[in-house]
């Protein structure tokens, strides 16, 4: 299995460093970046395209939910939301977060979140993309032979 390319986003240096230290002990994780605010995170996610982001919910100016919105749900990698407050749990699952961790993050609970993320990533990789389905349906250089139009 390839390592999960992971990014950590948290405005609190102590919390970010603790999470990075815990993730550094995980054999299936490759840390590719860290960000101290939401604006940095948006740019870094778009440029580096991580597989997984541990994303703080409450950050000044641009919170974790805004990061997801600005990157776009279709381009956003798997997300584990991390916060000191349990009040955002419902919204976390509305944005299809893989998991929701409360600070301070416990190693055992982090391991569970990583396992969930690995399972989600495996499912996503097994699912064919729209482009691959289209390519299989029509060999290159050949026009479509039929078009189905549905009226509703």
C-alpha atoms as a PDB file:
ATOM      1  CA  UNK A   1       0.000   0.000   0.000  1.00  0.00           C
ATOM      2  CA  UNK A   2       1.245   3.487  -0.845  1.00  0.00           C
ATOM      3  CA  UNK A   3       1.613   5.956   1.972  1.00  0.00           C
ATOM      4  CA  UNK A   4      -1.254   8.384   2.479  1.00  0.00           C
ATOM      5  CA  UNK A   5      -0.058  11.856   1.458  1.00  0.00           C
ATOM      6  CA  UNK A   6      -1.239  13.963   4.379  1.00  0.00           C
ATOM      7  CA  UNK A   7      -1.513  17.649   5.265  1.00  0.00           C
ATOM      8  CA  UNK A   8      -2.211  19.194   8.683  1.00  0.00           C
ATOM      9  CA  UNK A   9      -4.032  22.525   9.023  1.00  0.00           C
ATOM     10  CA  UNK A  10      -4.340  24.160  12.444  1.00  0.00           C
ATOM     11  CA  UNK A  11      -3.844  27.753  13.599  1.00  0.00           C
ATOM     12  CA  UNK A  12      -2.674  26.636  17.055  1.00  0.00           C
ATOM     13  CA  UNK A  13       1.054  25.810  16.835  1.00  0.00           C
ATOM     14  CA  UNK A  14       1.012  23.473  19.847  1.00  0.00           C
ATOM     15  CA  UNK A  15      -1.945  21.453  18.553  1.00  0.00           C
ATOM     16  CA  UNK A  16      -0.457  21.325  15.043  1.00  0.00           C
ATOM     17  CA  UNK A  17       2.940  20.154  16.338  1.00  0.00           C
ATOM     18  CA  UNK A  18       1.331  17.479  18.529  1.00  0.00           C
ATOM     19  CA  UNK A  19      -0.710  16.131  15.628  1.00  0.00           C
ATOM     20  CA  UNK A  20       2.332  16.178  13.329  1.00  0.00           C
ATOM     21  CA  UNK A  21       4.325  14.260  15.957  1.00  0.00           C
ATOM     22  CA  UNK A  22       1.589  11.634  16.305  1.00  0.00           C
ATOM     23  CA  UNK A  23       1.203  11.309  12.533  1.00  0.00           C
ATOM     24  CA  UNK A  24       4.977  10.990  12.183  1.00  0.00           C
ATOM     25  CA  UNK A  25       4.758   7.716  14.123  1.00  0.00           C
ATOM     26  CA  UNK A  26       2.245   6.230  11.661  1.00  0.00           C
ATOM     27  CA  UNK A  27       3.886   3.979   9.049  1.00  0.00           C
ATOM     28  CA  UNK A  28       1.176   4.564   6.426  1.00  0.00           C
ATOM     29  CA  UNK A  29       1.327   8.379   6.596  1.00  0.00           C
ATOM     30  CA  UNK A  30       3.567  10.715   4.606  1.00  0.00           C
ATOM     31  CA  UNK A  31       3.369  14.332   5.804  1.00  0.00           C
ATOM     32  CA  UNK A  32       3.532  16.574   2.737  1.00  0.00           C
ATOM     33  CA  UNK A  33       2.702  19.889   4.379  1.00  0.00           C
ATOM     34  CA  UNK A  34       1.298  21.924   7.204  1.00  0.00           C
ATOM     35  CA  UNK A  35      -0.602  25.197   7.251  1.00  0.00           C
ATOM     36  CA  UNK A  36      -1.333  27.695  10.016  1.00  0.00           C
ATOM     37  CA  UNK A  37      -4.516  29.158   8.526  1.00  0.00           C
ATOM     38  CA  UNK A  38      -7.345  28.497   6.123  1.00  0.00           C
ATOM     39  CA  UNK A  39      -6.065  30.727   3.313  1.00  0.00           C
ATOM     40  CA  UNK A  40      -2.724  28.896   3.255  1.00  0.00           C
ATOM     41  CA  UNK A  41      -4.606  25.602   3.318  1.00  0.00           C
ATOM     42  CA  UNK A  42      -6.693  26.424   0.247  1.00  0.00           C
ATOM     43  CA  UNK A  43      -3.581  27.181  -1.825  1.00  0.00           C
ATOM     44  CA  UNK A  44      -1.604  24.222  -0.471  1.00  0.00           C
ATOM     45  CA  UNK A  45      -4.434  21.746  -1.060  1.00  0.00           C
ATOM     46  CA  UNK A  46      -4.913  22.960  -4.633  1.00  0.00           C
ATOM     47  CA  UNK A  47      -1.170  22.844  -5.390  1.00  0.00           C
ATOM     48  CA  UNK A  48      -0.079  19.697  -3.539  1.00  0.00           C
ATOM     49  CA  UNK A  49      -3.261  17.632  -3.876  1.00  0.00           C
ATOM     50  CA  UNK A  50      -2.914  15.571  -0.688  1.00  0.00           C
ATOM     51  CA  UNK A  51      -4.870  12.360  -0.170  1.00  0.00           C
ATOM     52  CA  UNK A  52      -5.894  13.355   3.352  1.00  0.00           C
ATOM     53  CA  UNK A  53      -6.188  16.604   5.307  1.00  0.00           C
ATOM     54  CA  UNK A  54      -6.464  16.939   9.078  1.00  0.00           C
ATOM     55  CA  UNK A  55      -8.342  20.224   9.232  1.00  0.00           C
ATOM     56  CA  UNK A  56      -9.004  22.415  12.255  1.00  0.00           C
ATOM     57  CA  UNK A  57     -12.576  23.693  12.328  1.00  0.00           C
ATOM     58  CA  UNK A  58     -12.128  26.997  14.146  1.00  0.00           C
ATOM     59  CA  UNK A  59      -9.529  29.294  12.619  1.00  0.00           C
ATOM     60  CA  UNK A  60      -9.624  33.070  12.278  1.00  0.00           C
ATOM     61  CA  UNK A  61     -10.773  34.586   8.966  1.00  0.00           C
ATOM     62  CA  UNK A  62     -11.216  31.264   7.139  1.00  0.00           C
ATOM     63  CA  UNK A  63     -12.485  28.273   9.116  1.00  0.00           C
ATOM     64  CA  UNK A  64     -12.282  24.624   8.128  1.00  0.00           C
ATOM     65  CA  UNK A  65     -15.725  24.569   6.537  1.00  0.00           C
ATOM     66  CA  UNK A  66     -14.802  27.590   4.412  1.00  0.00           C
ATOM     67  CA  UNK A  67     -11.648  25.766   3.275  1.00  0.00           C
ATOM     68  CA  UNK A  68     -13.786  22.842   2.078  1.00  0.00           C
ATOM     69  CA  UNK A  69     -16.206  25.221   0.338  1.00  0.00           C
ATOM     70  CA  UNK A  70     -13.458  27.235  -1.379  1.00  0.00           C
ATOM     71  CA  UNK A  71     -11.469  24.208  -2.563  1.00  0.00           C
ATOM     72  CA  UNK A  72     -14.742  22.679  -3.749  1.00  0.00           C
ATOM     73  CA  UNK A  73     -16.238  19.390  -2.625  1.00  0.00           C
ATOM     74  CA  UNK A  74     -15.288  17.685  -5.904  1.00  0.00           C
ATOM     75  CA  UNK A  75     -11.599  18.649  -5.518  1.00  0.00           C
ATOM     76  CA  UNK A  76     -11.332  18.337  -1.746  1.00  0.00           C
ATOM     77  CA  UNK A  77      -9.341  15.334  -0.539  1.00  0.00           C
ATOM     78  CA  UNK A  78     -10.529  13.135   2.309  1.00  0.00           C
ATOM     79  CA  UNK A  79     -10.901  15.250   5.460  1.00  0.00           C
ATOM     80  CA  UNK A  80     -10.638  14.518   9.155  1.00  0.00           C
ATOM     81  CA  UNK A  81     -11.941  17.521  11.057  1.00  0.00           C
ATOM     82  CA  UNK A  82     -10.103  18.329  14.273  1.00  0.00           C
ATOM     83  CA  UNK A  83     -11.488  20.653  16.949  1.00  0.00           C
ATOM     84  CA  UNK A  84     -11.769  21.263  20.659  1.00  0.00           C
ATOM     85  CA  UNK A  85     -15.563  21.458  20.378  1.00  0.00           C
ATOM     86  CA  UNK A  86     -18.079  18.696  19.753  1.00  0.00           C
ATOM     87  CA  UNK A  87     -20.757  21.104  18.477  1.00  0.00           C
ATOM     88  CA  UNK A  88     -19.550  20.807  14.854  1.00  0.00           C
ATOM     89  CA  UNK A  89     -19.927  17.025  14.562  1.00  0.00           C
ATOM     90  CA  UNK A  90     -23.193  17.089  12.614  1.00  0.00           C
ATOM     91  CA  UNK A  91     -21.903  19.658  10.142  1.00  0.00           C
ATOM     92  CA  UNK A  92     -18.715  17.603   9.739  1.00  0.00           C
ATOM     93  CA  UNK A  93     -20.667  14.692   8.376  1.00  0.00           C
ATOM     94  CA  UNK A  94     -22.788  16.985   6.202  1.00  0.00           C
ATOM     95  CA  UNK A  95     -19.570  17.895   4.370  1.00  0.00           C
ATOM     96  CA  UNK A  96     -18.663  14.170   4.163  1.00  0.00           C
ATOM     97  CA  UNK A  97     -15.741  14.276   6.587  1.00  0.00           C
ATOM     98  CA  UNK A  98     -14.098  10.898   7.072  1.00  0.00           C
ATOM     99  CA  UNK A  99     -13.929  11.462  10.818  1.00  0.00           C
ATOM    100  CA  UNK A 100     -14.117  14.050  13.579  1.00  0.00           C
ATOM    101  CA  UNK A 101     -11.441  14.241  16.267  1.00  0.00           C
ATOM    102  CA  UNK A 102     -11.575  16.193  19.497  1.00  0.00           C
ATOM    103  CA  UNK A 103      -8.474  17.942  20.837  1.00  0.00           C
ATOM    104  CA  UNK A 104      -6.276  16.898  22.429  1.00  0.00           C
ATOM    105  CA  UNK A 105      -6.059  14.068  19.911  1.00  0.00           C
ATOM    106  CA  UNK A 106      -5.494  10.664  21.480  1.00  0.00           C
ATOM    107  CA  UNK A 107      -3.198   8.234  19.610  1.00  0.00           C
ATOM    108  CA  UNK A 108      -5.712   5.354  19.598  1.00  0.00           C
ATOM    109  CA  UNK A 109      -8.483   7.581  18.254  1.00  0.00           C
ATOM    110  CA  UNK A 110      -6.105   8.981  15.617  1.00  0.00           C
ATOM    111  CA  UNK A 111      -5.342   5.417  14.513  1.00  0.00           C
ATOM    112  CA  UNK A 112      -9.064   4.779  14.021  1.00  0.00           C
ATOM    113  CA  UNK A 113      -9.385   7.938  11.915  1.00  0.00           C
ATOM    114  CA  UNK A 114      -6.429   6.935   9.751  1.00  0.00           C
ATOM    115  CA  UNK A 115      -7.942   3.480   9.215  1.00  0.00           C
ATOM    116  CA  UNK A 116     -11.255   5.058   8.152  1.00  0.00           C
ATOM    117  CA  UNK A 117      -9.423   7.373   5.788  1.00  0.00           C
ATOM    118  CA  UNK A 118      -7.477   4.464   4.277  1.00  0.00           C
ATOM    119  CA  UNK A 119     -10.727   2.571   3.696  1.00  0.00           C
ATOM    120  CA  UNK A 120     -12.348   5.599   2.050  1.00  0.00           C
ATOM    121  CA  UNK A 121      -9.327   6.172  -0.171  1.00  0.00           C
ATOM    122  CA  UNK A 122      -9.303   2.506  -1.217  1.00  0.00           C
ATOM    123  CA  UNK A 123     -12.971   2.739  -2.196  1.00  0.00           C
ATOM    124  CA  UNK A 124     -12.380   5.943  -4.138  1.00  0.00           C
ATOM    125  CA  UNK A 125      -9.495   4.377  -6.062  1.00  0.00           C
ATOM    126  CA  UNK A 126     -11.557   1.289  -6.894  1.00  0.00           C
ATOM    127  CA  UNK A 127     -14.401   3.397  -8.282  1.00  0.00           C
ATOM    128  CA  UNK A 128     -13.966   4.160 -12.002  1.00  0.00           C
ATOM    129  CA  UNK A 129     -13.864   7.819 -12.989  1.00  0.00           C
ATOM    130  CA  UNK A 130     -16.394   9.300 -15.417  1.00  0.00           C
ATOM    131  CA  UNK A 131     -13.577   9.856 -17.912  1.00  0.00           C
ATOM    132  CA  UNK A 132     -12.509   6.186 -17.814  1.00  0.00           C
ATOM    133  CA  UNK A 133     -16.103   5.007 -18.280  1.00  0.00           C
ATOM    134  CA  UNK A 134     -16.543   7.368 -21.234  1.00  0.00           C
ATOM    135  CA  UNK A 135     -13.260   6.224 -22.776  1.00  0.00           C
ATOM    136  CA  UNK A 136     -14.272   2.577 -22.466  1.00  0.00           C
ATOM    137  CA  UNK A 137     -17.668   3.255 -24.018  1.00  0.00           C
ATOM    138  CA  UNK A 138     -16.219   4.949 -27.082  1.00  0.00           C
ATOM    139  CA  UNK A 139     -12.811   4.018 -28.448  1.00  0.00           C
ATOM    140  CA  UNK A 140     -10.698   7.036 -29.490  1.00  0.00           C
ATOM    141  CA  UNK A 141     -11.341   8.273 -33.003  1.00  0.00           C
ATOM    142  CA  UNK A 142     -14.746   6.644 -33.327  1.00  0.00           C
ATOM    143  CA  UNK A 143     -17.955   8.627 -33.227  1.00  0.00           C
ATOM    144  CA  UNK A 144     -20.842   7.643 -31.031  1.00  0.00           C
ATOM    145  CA  UNK A 145     -23.145   5.198 -32.742  1.00  0.00           C
ATOM    146  CA  UNK A 146     -26.195   5.989 -30.660  1.00  0.00           C
ATOM    147  CA  UNK A 147     -27.418   8.748 -28.418  1.00  0.00           C
ATOM    148  CA  UNK A 148     -30.189   8.254 -25.904  1.00  0.00           C
ATOM    149  CA  UNK A 149     -32.244  11.302 -25.024  1.00  0.00           C
ATOM    150  CA  UNK A 150     -34.595  11.097 -22.084  1.00  0.00           C
ATOM    151  CA  UNK A 151     -37.432  13.481 -21.589  1.00  0.00           C
ATOM    152  CA  UNK A 152     -38.811  13.774 -18.112  1.00  0.00           C
END
